Amino acid sequence: MLGWTGTSGLPPADLQQIALLLTGTARAVATDVRRAADLLPEGHADRALADAVLEEADRRLSLALEGTVSCVQGCVRLVSALYARLDRLTEAVASRSARAL
């Protein structure tokens, strides 16, 4: 999807449906990011970055969906950013837990 240029050949209604599915995924991953971030102390750098990513996700998820390639690509980028943050948080939580032992 990120490699699409111009038009995808799909009708706008299909593109809007894809974007809707991706926003549902983004909301679910954002919830996981919040849970993982909450396991870290307030001043932890990874928690602060997660807060910034979640604020941006909230802003982007509040926008109206369009039946365009650009909208779908934006949703894909958002899901990708959330998963990247979740991976980073998972590593930070695991590292913190290992040091506590």
N, C-alpha and C. Protein backbone atom coordinates (compact mmCIF):
# COMPACT_ATOMS: atom_id res chain seq x y z
N MET A 1 0.81 -1.18 0.00
CA MET A 1 0.00 0.00 0.00
C MET A 1 0.86 1.26 0.00
N LEU A 2 1.97 1.19 0.72
CA LEU A 2 2.83 2.37 0.74
C LEU A 2 3.48 2.60 -0.61
N GLY A 3 3.60 1.56 -1.41
CA GLY A 3 4.20 1.69 -2.72
C GLY A 3 3.24 2.19 -3.79
N TRP A 4 1.98 2.32 -3.45
CA TRP A 4 1.01 2.81 -4.42
C TRP A 4 1.35 4.25 -4.79
N THR A 5 1.27 4.54 -6.05
CA THR A 5 1.43 5.92 -6.51
C THR A 5 0.23 6.26 -7.36
N GLY A 6 -0.19 7.48 -7.31
CA GLY A 6 -1.35 7.89 -8.08
C GLY A 6 -2.60 7.21 -7.60
N THR A 7 -3.23 6.49 -8.48
CA THR A 7 -4.46 5.80 -8.12
C THR A 7 -4.19 4.31 -8.00
N SER A 8 -4.98 3.66 -7.16
CA SER A 8 -4.80 2.23 -6.93
C SER A 8 -5.66 1.40 -7.87
N GLY A 9 -6.62 2.02 -8.50
CA GLY A 9 -7.56 1.28 -9.33
C GLY A 9 -8.75 0.79 -8.54
N LEU A 10 -8.74 1.02 -7.23
CA LEU A 10 -9.87 0.62 -6.38
C LEU A 10 -10.86 1.77 -6.28
N PRO A 11 -12.13 1.43 -6.16
CA PRO A 11 -13.13 2.49 -5.98
C PRO A 11 -12.94 3.19 -4.63
N PRO A 12 -13.32 4.46 -4.54
CA PRO A 12 -13.18 5.19 -3.28
C PRO A 12 -13.83 4.49 -2.08
N ALA A 13 -14.95 3.82 -2.29
CA ALA A 13 -15.60 3.12 -1.18
C ALA A 13 -14.72 2.00 -0.64
N ASP A 14 -14.01 1.31 -1.52
CA ASP A 14 -13.10 0.25 -1.07
C ASP A 14 -11.92 0.83 -0.30
N LEU A 15 -11.39 1.94 -0.80
CA LEU A 15 -10.28 2.60 -0.11
C LEU A 15 -10.73 3.08 1.27
N GLN A 16 -11.93 3.60 1.35
CA GLN A 16 -12.45 4.07 2.63
C GLN A 16 -12.62 2.88 3.59
N GLN A 17 -13.05 1.74 3.09
CA GLN A 17 -13.20 0.55 3.93
C GLN A 17 -11.84 0.07 4.44
N ILE A 18 -10.84 0.09 3.59
CA ILE A 18 -9.49 -0.29 4.00
C ILE A 18 -9.00 0.66 5.09
N ALA A 19 -9.21 1.95 4.90
CA ALA A 19 -8.81 2.94 5.90
C ALA A 19 -9.54 2.71 7.22
N LEU A 20 -10.80 2.36 7.15
CA LEU A 20 -11.58 2.09 8.36
C LEU A 20 -11.01 0.89 9.11
N LEU A 21 -10.66 -0.17 8.39
CA LEU A 21 -10.06 -1.35 9.03
C LEU A 21 -8.72 -1.00 9.67
N LEU A 22 -7.95 -0.19 8.98
CA LEU A 22 -6.65 0.21 9.52
C LEU A 22 -6.79 1.10 10.76
N THR A 23 -7.81 1.95 10.79
CA THR A 23 -8.00 2.79 11.98
C THR A 23 -8.43 1.94 13.17
N GLY A 24 -9.19 0.89 12.92
CA GLY A 24 -9.54 -0.03 14.00
C GLY A 24 -8.30 -0.71 14.55
N THR A 25 -7.43 -1.11 13.67
CA THR A 25 -6.15 -1.71 14.09
C THR A 25 -5.33 -0.69 14.87
N ALA A 26 -5.27 0.53 14.38
CA ALA A 26 -4.50 1.58 15.07
C ALA A 26 -5.03 1.81 16.48
N ARG A 27 -6.34 1.83 16.64
CA ARG A 27 -6.92 2.03 17.98
C ARG A 27 -6.55 0.88 18.91
N ALA A 28 -6.57 -0.33 18.41
CA ALA A 28 -6.23 -1.49 19.23
C ALA A 28 -4.75 -1.45 19.63
N VAL A 29 -3.88 -1.14 18.69
CA VAL A 29 -2.45 -1.08 18.99
C VAL A 29 -2.16 0.10 19.93
N ALA A 30 -2.86 1.21 19.76
CA ALA A 30 -2.67 2.36 20.65
C ALA A 30 -3.01 1.98 22.09
N THR A 31 -4.03 1.17 22.28
CA THR A 31 -4.39 0.69 23.62
C THR A 31 -3.25 -0.14 24.19
N ASP A 32 -2.65 -0.99 23.38
CA ASP A 32 -1.52 -1.80 23.84
C ASP A 32 -0.31 -0.92 24.17
N VAL A 33 -0.09 0.12 23.37
CA VAL A 33 1.00 1.05 23.63
C VAL A 33 0.78 1.74 24.97
N ARG A 34 -0.43 2.18 25.24
CA ARG A 34 -0.74 2.84 26.51
C ARG A 34 -0.49 1.90 27.69
N ARG A 35 -0.94 0.66 27.57
CA ARG A 35 -0.73 -0.31 28.65
C ARG A 35 0.76 -0.54 28.92
N ALA A 36 1.53 -0.69 27.85
CA ALA A 36 2.97 -0.92 28.00
C ALA A 36 3.65 0.32 28.58
N ALA A 37 3.26 1.49 28.12
CA ALA A 37 3.87 2.73 28.63
C ALA A 37 3.58 2.91 30.11
N ASP A 38 2.40 2.51 30.53
CA ASP A 38 2.02 2.66 31.94
C ASP A 38 2.83 1.76 32.87
N LEU A 39 3.54 0.79 32.31
CA LEU A 39 4.40 -0.07 33.13
C LEU A 39 5.74 0.58 33.44
N LEU A 40 6.03 1.67 32.78
CA LEU A 40 7.29 2.38 32.99
C LEU A 40 7.05 3.58 33.90
N PRO A 41 8.08 4.01 34.62
CA PRO A 41 7.93 5.17 35.50
C PRO A 41 7.67 6.46 34.70
N GLU A 42 7.09 7.44 35.36
CA GLU A 42 6.71 8.71 34.72
C GLU A 42 7.83 9.35 33.92
N GLY A 43 9.03 9.40 34.44
CA GLY A 43 10.11 10.11 33.78
C GLY A 43 10.88 9.32 32.74
N HIS A 44 10.48 8.10 32.49
CA HIS A 44 11.22 7.24 31.54
C HIS A 44 11.08 7.80 30.12
N ALA A 45 12.21 7.84 29.40
CA ALA A 45 12.22 8.41 28.04
C ALA A 45 11.28 7.68 27.10
N ASP A 46 11.23 6.35 27.19
CA ASP A 46 10.35 5.60 26.29
C ASP A 46 8.88 5.88 26.57
N ARG A 47 8.56 6.15 27.83
CA ARG A 47 7.18 6.50 28.16
C ARG A 47 6.82 7.87 27.58
N ALA A 48 7.75 8.81 27.68
CA ALA A 48 7.51 10.15 27.13
C ALA A 48 7.32 10.08 25.62
N LEU A 49 8.15 9.28 24.94
CA LEU A 49 7.98 9.13 23.49
C LEU A 49 6.66 8.47 23.15
N ALA A 50 6.25 7.50 23.95
CA ALA A 50 4.96 6.84 23.73
C ALA A 50 3.83 7.84 23.88
N ASP A 51 3.93 8.72 24.88
CA ASP A 51 2.90 9.73 25.06
C ASP A 51 2.79 10.63 23.83
N ALA A 52 3.93 11.01 23.26
CA ALA A 52 3.94 11.85 22.06
C ALA A 52 3.32 11.12 20.88
N VAL A 53 3.68 9.86 20.71
CA VAL A 53 3.12 9.06 19.61
C VAL A 53 1.61 8.89 19.79
N LEU A 54 1.17 8.67 21.02
CA LEU A 54 -0.26 8.49 21.28
C LEU A 54 -1.05 9.78 21.05
N GLU A 55 -0.46 10.92 21.38
CA GLU A 55 -1.12 12.20 21.11
C GLU A 55 -1.30 12.40 19.61
N GLU A 56 -0.25 12.10 18.86
CA GLU A 56 -0.33 12.21 17.40
C GLU A 56 -1.35 11.22 16.83
N ALA A 57 -1.37 10.02 17.37
CA ALA A 57 -2.34 9.01 16.92
C ALA A 57 -3.77 9.49 17.18
N ASP A 58 -4.02 10.04 18.36
CA ASP A 58 -5.35 10.57 18.67
C ASP A 58 -5.75 11.65 17.69
N ARG A 59 -4.81 12.54 17.37
CA ARG A 59 -5.10 13.61 16.43
C ARG A 59 -5.44 13.04 15.05
N ARG A 60 -4.63 12.09 14.59
CA ARG A 60 -4.85 11.54 13.25
C ARG A 60 -6.11 10.68 13.19
N LEU A 61 -6.42 9.98 14.29
CA LEU A 61 -7.62 9.14 14.29
C LEU A 61 -8.90 9.96 14.37
N SER A 62 -8.79 11.22 14.72
CA SER A 62 -9.97 12.07 14.80
C SER A 62 -10.34 12.67 13.44
N LEU A 63 -9.46 12.54 12.46
CA LEU A 63 -9.72 13.08 11.13
C LEU A 63 -10.72 12.20 10.38
N ALA A 64 -11.48 12.82 9.51
CA ALA A 64 -12.44 12.08 8.69
C ALA A 64 -11.69 11.20 7.69
N LEU A 65 -12.20 10.01 7.47
CA LEU A 65 -11.60 9.10 6.50
C LEU A 65 -12.05 9.48 5.09
N GLU A 66 -11.13 9.35 4.17
CA GLU A 66 -11.43 9.63 2.77
C GLU A 66 -11.17 8.37 1.95
N GLY A 67 -11.80 8.29 0.85
CA GLY A 67 -11.60 7.16 -0.05
C GLY A 67 -10.46 7.42 -1.01
N THR A 68 -9.28 7.70 -0.45
CA THR A 68 -8.13 8.03 -1.29
C THR A 68 -6.92 7.17 -0.92
N VAL A 69 -6.02 7.03 -1.86
CA VAL A 69 -4.78 6.30 -1.61
C VAL A 69 -4.00 6.99 -0.50
N SER A 70 -3.95 8.30 -0.51
CA SER A 70 -3.22 9.07 0.50
C SER A 70 -3.75 8.79 1.90
N CYS A 71 -5.05 8.69 2.05
CA CYS A 71 -5.65 8.41 3.35
C CYS A 71 -5.25 7.00 3.83
N VAL A 72 -5.33 6.04 2.95
CA VAL A 72 -4.95 4.67 3.30
C VAL A 72 -3.48 4.62 3.69
N GLN A 73 -2.63 5.29 2.92
CA GLN A 73 -1.20 5.30 3.23
C GLN A 73 -0.93 5.95 4.58
N GLY A 74 -1.67 7.01 4.91
CA GLY A 74 -1.52 7.64 6.21
C GLY A 74 -1.89 6.69 7.34
N CYS A 75 -2.94 5.91 7.12
CA CYS A 75 -3.36 4.91 8.12
C CYS A 75 -2.31 3.83 8.29
N VAL A 76 -1.72 3.39 7.19
CA VAL A 76 -0.67 2.37 7.24
C VAL A 76 0.53 2.92 8.02
N ARG A 77 0.91 4.14 7.75
CA ARG A 77 2.03 4.75 8.47
C ARG A 77 1.75 4.86 9.96
N LEU A 78 0.52 5.20 10.31
CA LEU A 78 0.15 5.31 11.71
C LEU A 78 0.24 3.96 12.41
N VAL A 79 -0.30 2.93 11.79
CA VAL A 79 -0.23 1.58 12.38
C VAL A 79 1.23 1.16 12.52
N SER A 80 2.03 1.43 11.52
CA SER A 80 3.45 1.09 11.56
C SER A 80 4.16 1.81 12.71
N ALA A 81 3.89 3.09 12.88
CA ALA A 81 4.52 3.87 13.96
C ALA A 81 4.09 3.34 15.33
N LEU A 82 2.83 2.98 15.45
CA LEU A 82 2.35 2.45 16.73
C LEU A 82 2.99 1.11 17.05
N TYR A 83 3.10 0.24 16.06
CA TYR A 83 3.76 -1.05 16.30
C TYR A 83 5.23 -0.85 16.65
N ALA A 84 5.89 0.08 15.99
CA ALA A 84 7.30 0.35 16.30
C ALA A 84 7.44 0.83 17.74
N ARG A 85 6.55 1.69 18.18
CA ARG A 85 6.60 2.18 19.55
C ARG A 85 6.30 1.05 20.53
N LEU A 86 5.34 0.19 20.18
CA LEU A 86 5.01 -0.94 21.05
C LEU A 86 6.20 -1.88 21.18
N ASP A 87 6.90 -2.14 20.09
CA ASP A 87 8.10 -2.99 20.15
C ASP A 87 9.14 -2.37 21.07
N ARG A 88 9.34 -1.09 20.94
CA ARG A 88 10.33 -0.39 21.77
C ARG A 88 9.94 -0.45 23.25
N LEU A 89 8.66 -0.23 23.53
CA LEU A 89 8.19 -0.28 24.92
C LEU A 89 8.32 -1.68 25.50
N THR A 90 8.01 -2.68 24.70
CA THR A 90 8.12 -4.07 25.16
C THR A 90 9.56 -4.38 25.55
N GLU A 91 10.50 -3.92 24.74
CA GLU A 91 11.92 -4.10 25.06
C GLU A 91 12.29 -3.37 26.34
N ALA A 92 11.81 -2.14 26.50
CA ALA A 92 12.14 -1.34 27.69
C ALA A 92 11.56 -1.97 28.95
N VAL A 93 10.34 -2.47 28.86
CA VAL A 93 9.71 -3.10 30.03
C VAL A 93 10.45 -4.38 30.37
N ALA A 94 10.81 -5.17 29.37
CA ALA A 94 11.54 -6.42 29.62
C ALA A 94 12.91 -6.14 30.23
N SER A 95 13.59 -5.13 29.71
CA SER A 95 14.90 -4.76 30.23
C SER A 95 14.80 -4.28 31.68
N ARG A 96 13.80 -3.50 31.96
CA ARG A 96 13.59 -3.00 33.32
C ARG A 96 13.27 -4.14 34.28
N SER A 97 12.47 -5.09 33.81
CA SER A 97 12.11 -6.25 34.64
C SER A 97 13.33 -7.12 34.92
N ALA A 98 14.18 -7.29 33.90
CA ALA A 98 15.39 -8.12 34.07
C ALA A 98 16.35 -7.49 35.08
N ARG A 99 16.44 -6.16 35.04
CA ARG A 99 17.33 -5.48 36.00
C ARG A 99 16.80 -5.57 37.42
N ALA A 100 15.48 -5.69 37.56
CA ALA A 100 14.87 -5.75 38.89
C ALA A 100 15.13 -7.10 39.55
N LEU A 101 15.47 -8.10 38.75
CA LEU A 101 15.71 -9.44 39.31
C LEU A 101 17.04 -9.48 39.93
